[in-house]
């Protein structure tokens, strides 16, 4: 469990690596931890995390591909970072949705040897859909003998076009790196990782945290610590929570009350959990089978579970990765709220016969399971492995 205590002495920022499978996201993550641990050994968060430990679930090491979202921490003199290494495999886009939703900024990793691939574009689109505020680029594998200046220029232009197409800043920093060479300690490429981190420090804006609203944390994972009890993990969406506070667990099942008897971040104990932080909360008397991913931990009475709501949605065009055809009343896609997805039936307003890709429309929805919900909550609509729309809850019906 805990090793030392965590102090809130500098801004905490959530970043992540996104990009095509095998373009070097996990290697880059490992390289960042190594370079920062070597450069700032006195900063407590800095500890080299080898490549095979970034992917922290055994299932991932066997496959050699990041499956669930993995977290590592590091810090610069200016900021403390939690870094999510987002999955790059098509089957795991679902996890990417929950991972990307936690990022204050993303590092898009593109191999200079390949340039942007289908998944690169899909991840940029997803980042847009889940509201990642800014993206900068690590152009990886620049040490390859197959790469020359002309090629780099073409690849950079293509990346800038892809980013601009989704509404991101065309003029974002693009840093030429070799994650592998930096991991091997090559001074030329180590310097490039330092340059990348300076860009992350200055280009990704310091997030504004919502500390005044009532505490809420969507549950991402649940596990048991022998002799201590059940721990739920996730990123605090808003507010702050002191130790020994009473909370409710809302959504999917009947609402239950419990008390938070321990708070941890990166194996360090905390007296209080703050918005924006990835925490583990130890729950008194709660069994592992009583809670699940997709529920939320919140201040009692602040949020309630619902199945029926009205929303305003934008349905993606075909070239934005959406459907090719229109849909009708009674359409049954998946709705992604925070860390969960649930099937729902869409009813169209009177007089609307169908909805075309590219349309913005009001809809009413009935979900098959209750979700912790309030007006203004965002969601993504997905079907058959692709995002087909995004929207906001405008009115709760039941």
Foldseek 3Di string as FASTA:
>chain_A
DFDAADDPDAFEFEEEEFAAWPLQRLLLVQLLLVLQCVVCVPPVQRDRQDSLCQLPDPVCSVVVWRAAWGWGWDDDVHYTYIYTYATNDLVRVLNVLLRLLLHLEYEYRAELLPAHDPSSLQSLLSNLQSPNPAYAYEHEPCVDPSDDPVSSVVSLQVVLVSNVVSPHHSPQYYFYAYSVVSSVVPVVRSVSSVVVVVSVVPVRDRDDAAAPDWKKFAFQDWDADPPQGIKTKGATAHHKAFAQAKKWWAWQDDIDIWTFHWKDAPSHTYRMHHHSGIIITGTPPDHRVNDDGQIMITHPPPWHWAFKFKKKKAFADVVSFADPFKAAFQDWWWKAFNSDIFIKGKGFDPPDGIGGHGDIGMIMIGTPIIHGDDFQGKIFTDHPSTTGMIITTHGTDD
